[in-house]
Amino acid sequence: MSQRIAFIIVLLGAMLWGTTGTAQTFMPQTVHPLAVGASRLAVGGFSLLILMIVMRKVHFRTWPWKATLLAALAMAIFQYCFFTSIRLTGIAIGTVVAIGSAPMFSGVVEWLYLKRRPMKVWLMATSFAIVGCVLLFSNKEGVVVNPIGVSLSLCAGLLFAFYTLFNKSVLERADAVPSVAVIFSVSAVMLMPFLFLFETEGLLTASGISTVLYLGLATTSIAYILFSAGLRHIPSSSAVTLSLGEPLTAAILSVVVVGERLDIISWGGIVLLVGGILVLTVSGRRNEKVVESVT
């Protein structure tokens, strides 16, 4: 797979993540957000795992369990930190801080853990994207910035960066689909107790079941398969920066589907987000041409 295609695949996965917020508006409000998170991981992970076992794509004896457990743990705690931050500080601030901080954390983690210095293009694209996120939701009024909520959002961003790093280690020894199946199944098992601790009334209604199925299959299974498939061919820091396509998609859907309004500053943020994504995509194409000319 070429680097350019890898960038596009990761971006498509991020766009599917961006439909999560809009999809959740169809979920009964009585269902606790963390229960929704646990349900989506269970649907996405277990359905894929059963399929992979039937197809004999998962070899448990030789599976990279250490990296898998670390990735699953990071994703499980991410769900808790992210949904709790949303509850404390609101959807706008919680999402922007979590997703916007992830690229920065990813570059730092790669630098410290893998001794890989961030590329200049990553610094440029990440700067565009983070500023774009800030502008995108800067017009929200009446939002109380809860310090604990913001801290949990930052933790969520750091955890997503670690998930990406550990997932990349798994992908060095396994294919994308089996990797997503095993990691999310293990993560779902970790989160199962929350289904009994939090409110789930309305989860088994028609709207609840259909929403969970969409969240589990589309925004979890398919989205993370795309993300993992592209991640095998690009640095994790670049993949996390491309994941900023999530708030971009969420913003557009909030206008088109939900009927929210964005001012000129927020649209400026969208332009910067697109700019950051294009910087990475175009640079990937140029790097590919350079490699081809050398070979």
Protein backbone atom coordinates (compact mmCIF):
# COMPACT_ATOMS: atom_id res chain seq x y z
CA MET A 1 0.00 0.00 0.00
CA SER A 2 1.32 3.44 -0.93
CA GLN A 3 1.74 6.12 1.72
CA ARG A 4 -0.82 8.34 0.00
CA ILE A 5 -3.46 5.58 0.08
CA ALA A 6 -2.59 4.92 3.72
CA PHE A 7 -3.25 8.58 4.57
CA ILE A 8 -6.62 8.46 2.79
CA ILE A 9 -7.66 5.23 4.54
CA VAL A 10 -6.79 6.63 7.97
CA LEU A 11 -8.73 9.80 7.16
CA LEU A 12 -11.80 7.77 6.12
CA GLY A 13 -11.65 5.95 9.44
CA ALA A 14 -11.52 9.29 11.28
CA MET A 15 -14.51 10.54 9.31
CA LEU A 16 -16.50 7.51 10.45
CA TRP A 17 -15.53 8.33 14.05
CA GLY A 18 -16.90 11.81 13.40
CA THR A 19 -20.39 10.39 12.89
CA THR A 20 -20.44 9.08 16.48
CA GLY A 21 -21.85 12.25 18.06
CA THR A 22 -24.64 12.58 15.51
CA ALA A 23 -25.51 8.88 15.84
CA GLN A 24 -25.71 9.20 19.61
CA THR A 25 -28.47 11.81 19.27
CA PHE A 26 -30.72 8.91 18.25
CA MET A 27 -29.87 7.03 21.46
CA PRO A 28 -32.36 7.34 24.38
CA GLN A 29 -31.00 9.96 26.78
CA THR A 30 -31.53 7.61 29.72
CA VAL A 31 -28.55 5.48 28.66
CA HIS A 32 -25.30 6.51 30.37
CA PRO A 33 -22.60 7.49 27.83
CA LEU A 34 -20.08 5.05 29.32
CA ALA A 35 -22.60 2.23 28.92
CA VAL A 36 -22.85 3.24 25.26
CA GLY A 37 -19.08 3.09 24.98
CA ALA A 38 -18.94 -0.38 26.52
CA SER A 39 -21.74 -1.61 24.24
CA ARG A 40 -20.14 -0.31 21.05
CA LEU A 41 -16.82 -1.98 21.88
CA ALA A 42 -18.60 -5.24 22.66
CA VAL A 43 -20.55 -5.23 19.39
CA GLY A 44 -17.57 -4.17 17.30
CA GLY A 45 -15.00 -6.39 18.97
CA PHE A 46 -16.96 -9.61 19.53
CA SER A 47 -18.57 -9.64 16.07
CA LEU A 48 -15.18 -9.33 14.40
CA LEU A 49 -13.54 -11.83 16.74
CA ILE A 50 -16.14 -14.52 15.99
CA LEU A 51 -15.65 -13.95 12.26
CA MET A 52 -11.86 -14.09 12.55
CA ILE A 53 -11.98 -17.29 14.62
CA VAL A 54 -14.26 -18.96 12.07
CA MET A 55 -11.87 -17.87 9.29
CA ARG A 56 -8.89 -19.05 11.39
CA LYS A 57 -7.20 -15.66 11.17
CA VAL A 58 -6.33 -15.46 14.86
CA HIS A 59 -3.48 -17.62 16.17
CA PHE A 60 -3.72 -17.27 19.94
CA ARG A 61 -0.46 -19.09 20.76
CA THR A 62 1.73 -16.77 18.71
CA TRP A 63 -0.35 -13.64 19.25
CA PRO A 64 1.49 -10.52 20.55
CA TRP A 65 -0.42 -10.47 23.83
CA LYS A 66 1.68 -7.88 25.66
CA ALA A 67 1.11 -5.14 23.08
CA THR A 68 -2.52 -6.25 22.70
CA LEU A 69 -3.25 -5.95 26.42
CA LEU A 70 -1.59 -2.54 26.57
CA ALA A 71 -3.57 -1.31 23.54
CA ALA A 72 -6.83 -2.72 24.96
CA LEU A 73 -6.17 -1.15 28.36
CA ALA A 74 -5.42 2.22 26.77
CA MET A 75 -8.65 2.06 24.77
CA ALA A 76 -10.72 0.97 27.79
CA ILE A 77 -9.43 3.78 30.01
CA PHE A 78 -9.81 6.18 27.07
CA GLN A 79 -13.54 5.40 27.02
CA TYR A 80 -13.83 6.21 30.73
CA CYS A 81 -11.78 9.43 30.56
CA PHE A 82 -13.43 10.67 27.37
CA PHE A 83 -17.06 10.05 28.30
CA THR A 84 -16.54 11.33 31.83
CA SER A 85 -14.89 14.51 30.52
CA ILE A 86 -17.84 15.02 28.17
CA ARG A 87 -20.17 14.71 31.14
CA LEU A 88 -18.20 17.23 33.21
CA THR A 89 -17.16 19.87 30.70
CA GLY A 90 -19.46 19.39 27.70
CA ILE A 91 -19.18 17.83 24.25
CA ALA A 92 -17.39 20.74 22.55
CA ILE A 93 -14.58 21.32 25.05
CA GLY A 94 -14.18 17.63 25.90
CA THR A 95 -13.91 16.53 22.26
CA VAL A 96 -11.59 19.32 21.14
CA VAL A 97 -9.19 18.92 24.07
CA ALA A 98 -9.06 15.11 23.76
CA ILE A 99 -8.76 14.82 19.99
CA GLY A 100 -6.80 18.04 19.58
CA SER A 101 -4.16 17.05 22.13
CA ALA A 102 -3.69 13.51 20.78
CA PRO A 103 -1.37 14.48 17.87
CA MET A 104 0.88 16.47 20.19
CA PHE A 105 1.06 13.59 22.67
CA SER A 106 1.66 11.11 19.84
CA GLY A 107 4.67 13.03 18.56
CA VAL A 108 6.10 13.34 22.05
CA VAL A 109 5.50 9.64 22.83
CA GLU A 110 7.21 8.60 19.58
CA TRP A 111 10.13 10.89 20.40
CA LEU A 112 10.59 9.52 23.93
CA TYR A 113 9.57 5.88 23.38
CA LEU A 114 10.90 5.19 19.88
CA LYS A 115 13.60 7.91 19.81
CA ARG A 116 12.02 9.15 16.58
CA ARG A 117 12.05 12.91 16.20
CA PRO A 118 8.83 14.38 14.72
CA MET A 119 8.98 15.43 11.09
CA LYS A 120 8.69 19.11 10.21
CA VAL A 121 5.57 18.37 8.18
CA TRP A 122 4.02 16.78 11.30
CA LEU A 123 4.75 19.92 13.30
CA MET A 124 3.16 22.10 10.62
CA ALA A 125 0.09 19.90 10.09
CA THR A 126 -0.47 19.43 13.81
CA SER A 127 -0.21 23.18 14.46
CA PHE A 128 -2.80 23.90 11.76
CA ALA A 129 -5.11 21.21 13.09
CA ILE A 130 -4.90 22.18 16.76
CA VAL A 131 -5.52 25.86 16.05
CA GLY A 132 -8.38 24.79 13.79
CA CYS A 133 -9.94 22.78 16.62
CA VAL A 134 -9.71 25.75 18.97
CA LEU A 135 -11.36 28.08 16.47
CA LEU A 136 -13.96 25.50 15.50
CA PHE A 137 -15.68 25.55 18.87
CA SER A 138 -14.61 28.99 20.10
CA ASN A 139 -18.11 30.38 19.56
CA LYS A 140 -19.75 28.05 22.08
CA GLU A 141 -21.51 30.10 24.73
CA GLY A 142 -22.38 29.14 28.29
CA VAL A 143 -19.78 26.40 28.51
CA VAL A 144 -18.25 25.98 31.96
CA VAL A 145 -14.65 24.81 31.69
CA ASN A 146 -14.36 22.21 34.44
CA PRO A 147 -10.67 21.68 35.40
CA ILE A 148 -11.25 18.00 36.21
CA GLY A 149 -13.10 17.51 32.93
CA VAL A 150 -10.33 19.18 30.93
CA SER A 151 -7.71 17.10 32.77
CA LEU A 152 -9.61 13.91 31.87
CA SER A 153 -9.81 15.08 28.24
CA LEU A 154 -6.03 15.51 28.20
CA CYS A 155 -5.68 12.02 29.67
CA ALA A 156 -7.94 10.72 26.88
CA GLY A 157 -5.70 12.36 24.27
CA LEU A 158 -2.60 10.79 25.83
CA LEU A 159 -4.29 7.38 26.01
CA PHE A 160 -5.28 7.54 22.34
CA ALA A 161 -1.67 8.31 21.47
CA PHE A 162 -0.52 5.27 23.49
CA TYR A 163 -3.24 3.12 21.89
CA THR A 164 -1.92 4.08 18.46
CA LEU A 165 1.65 3.24 19.45
CA PHE A 166 0.77 -0.15 20.98
CA ASN A 167 -1.58 -0.95 18.09
CA LYS A 168 1.27 -0.35 15.67
CA SER A 169 3.32 -2.93 17.58
CA VAL A 170 0.50 -5.45 17.22
CA LEU A 171 0.24 -4.70 13.50
CA GLU A 172 3.88 -5.67 13.03
CA ARG A 173 2.89 -9.29 13.78
CA ALA A 174 -0.79 -9.46 12.78
CA ASP A 175 -3.15 -8.21 10.08
CA ALA A 176 -5.39 -5.18 10.63
CA VAL A 177 -8.76 -6.95 10.96
CA PRO A 178 -7.66 -9.64 13.47
CA SER A 179 -5.81 -6.95 15.44
CA VAL A 180 -8.91 -4.80 15.78
CA ALA A 181 -11.00 -7.88 16.67
CA VAL A 182 -8.75 -9.04 19.49
CA ILE A 183 -7.88 -5.61 20.92
CA PHE A 184 -11.47 -4.41 21.06
CA SER A 185 -12.78 -7.72 22.40
CA VAL A 186 -10.29 -7.58 25.26
CA SER A 187 -11.13 -3.91 25.82
CA ALA A 188 -14.86 -4.74 25.83
CA VAL A 189 -14.31 -7.40 28.50
CA MET A 190 -12.52 -4.79 30.60
CA LEU A 191 -15.50 -2.45 30.29
CA MET A 192 -18.27 -5.02 30.82
CA PRO A 193 -18.71 -4.19 34.55
CA PHE A 194 -19.81 -0.67 33.58
CA LEU A 195 -22.94 -2.11 31.95
CA PHE A 196 -24.05 -3.15 35.43
CA LEU A 197 -22.86 -0.02 37.24
CA PHE A 198 -24.47 2.66 35.07
CA GLU A 199 -27.98 3.38 33.77
CA THR A 200 -28.89 1.32 30.68
CA GLU A 201 -32.66 1.92 30.51
CA GLY A 202 -33.61 2.34 26.86
CA LEU A 203 -30.60 0.46 25.53
CA LEU A 204 -32.74 -2.48 24.37
CA THR A 205 -35.32 -0.34 22.54
CA ALA A 206 -35.42 -0.22 18.74
CA SER A 207 -33.56 3.10 18.60
CA GLY A 208 -31.08 1.94 21.24
CA ILE A 209 -30.25 -1.33 19.51
CA SER A 210 -29.97 0.23 16.03
CA THR A 211 -27.72 3.01 17.35
CA VAL A 212 -25.45 0.57 19.20
CA LEU A 213 -25.20 -1.63 16.09
CA TYR A 214 -24.17 1.36 13.98
CA LEU A 215 -21.72 2.59 16.59
CA GLY A 216 -20.27 -0.90 17.03
CA LEU A 217 -20.01 -1.91 13.38
CA ALA A 218 -19.43 1.38 11.53
CA THR A 219 -17.70 3.72 14.00
CA THR A 220 -15.78 0.96 15.77
CA SER A 221 -15.14 -2.13 13.59
CA ILE A 222 -14.92 -0.54 10.13
CA ALA A 223 -13.41 2.74 11.33
CA TYR A 224 -10.63 1.10 13.32
CA ILE A 225 -9.93 -1.45 10.58
CA LEU A 226 -9.35 1.45 8.18
CA PHE A 227 -7.26 3.27 10.78
CA SER A 228 -5.17 0.16 11.54
CA ALA A 229 -4.71 -0.75 7.86
CA GLY A 230 -3.31 2.70 7.10
CA LEU A 231 -1.31 2.83 10.34
CA ARG A 232 0.88 -0.03 9.14
CA HIS A 233 2.37 2.24 6.46
CA ILE A 234 2.68 5.65 8.13
CA PRO A 235 4.09 7.00 11.43
CA SER A 236 1.67 6.86 14.34
CA SER A 237 2.05 10.63 14.87
CA SER A 238 0.84 11.30 11.32
CA ALA A 239 -2.07 8.88 11.78
CA VAL A 240 -3.16 10.62 14.95
CA THR A 241 -2.98 14.01 13.24
CA LEU A 242 -5.19 12.67 10.45
CA SER A 243 -7.64 11.52 13.13
CA LEU A 244 -8.48 15.21 13.53
CA GLY A 245 -10.79 14.57 10.61
CA GLU A 246 -13.14 13.37 13.37
CA PRO A 247 -14.05 16.81 14.81
CA LEU A 248 -14.14 18.17 11.25
CA THR A 249 -16.76 15.59 10.25
CA ALA A 250 -18.64 16.09 13.50
CA ALA A 251 -18.84 19.84 12.90
CA ILE A 252 -20.17 19.44 9.36
CA LEU A 253 -22.77 16.87 10.45
CA SER A 254 -23.86 19.11 13.32
CA VAL A 255 -24.78 21.74 10.73
CA VAL A 256 -26.27 19.49 8.04
CA VAL A 257 -28.07 16.91 10.20
CA VAL A 258 -28.58 18.35 13.66
CA GLY A 259 -29.15 21.94 12.51
CA GLU A 260 -26.51 23.70 14.59
CA ARG A 261 -25.00 26.96 13.36
CA LEU A 262 -21.30 27.82 13.09
CA ASP A 263 -19.97 31.38 12.86
CA ILE A 264 -17.18 32.64 10.61
CA ILE A 265 -14.51 31.84 13.22
CA SER A 266 -15.62 28.21 13.39
CA TRP A 267 -15.59 27.92 9.61
CA GLY A 268 -12.05 29.33 9.72
CA GLY A 269 -11.22 26.47 12.05
CA ILE A 270 -12.58 24.00 9.52
CA VAL A 271 -10.33 25.50 6.84
CA LEU A 272 -7.29 25.07 9.10
CA LEU A 273 -8.28 21.47 9.87
CA VAL A 274 -8.56 20.69 6.17
CA GLY A 275 -5.24 22.47 5.61
CA GLY A 276 -3.49 20.33 8.20
CA ILE A 277 -4.87 17.14 6.70
CA LEU A 278 -3.91 18.20 3.17
CA VAL A 279 -0.36 19.05 4.28
CA LEU A 280 0.11 15.48 5.47
CA THR A 281 -1.57 13.91 2.44
CA VAL A 282 0.37 15.97 -0.12
CA SER A 283 3.65 15.41 1.72
CA GLY A 284 2.96 11.69 1.69
CA ARG A 285 2.53 11.78 -2.07
CA ARG A 286 5.78 13.76 -2.51
CA ASN A 287 7.69 11.35 -0.27
CA GLU A 288 6.34 8.47 -2.31
CA LYS A 289 7.56 10.07 -5.55
CA VAL A 290 10.99 10.67 -4.01
CA VAL A 291 11.25 7.00 -3.02
CA GLU A 292 10.18 5.93 -6.51
CA SER A 293 12.78 8.20 -8.14
CA VAL A 294 15.53 6.85 -5.86
CA THR A 295 14.62 3.24 -6.53
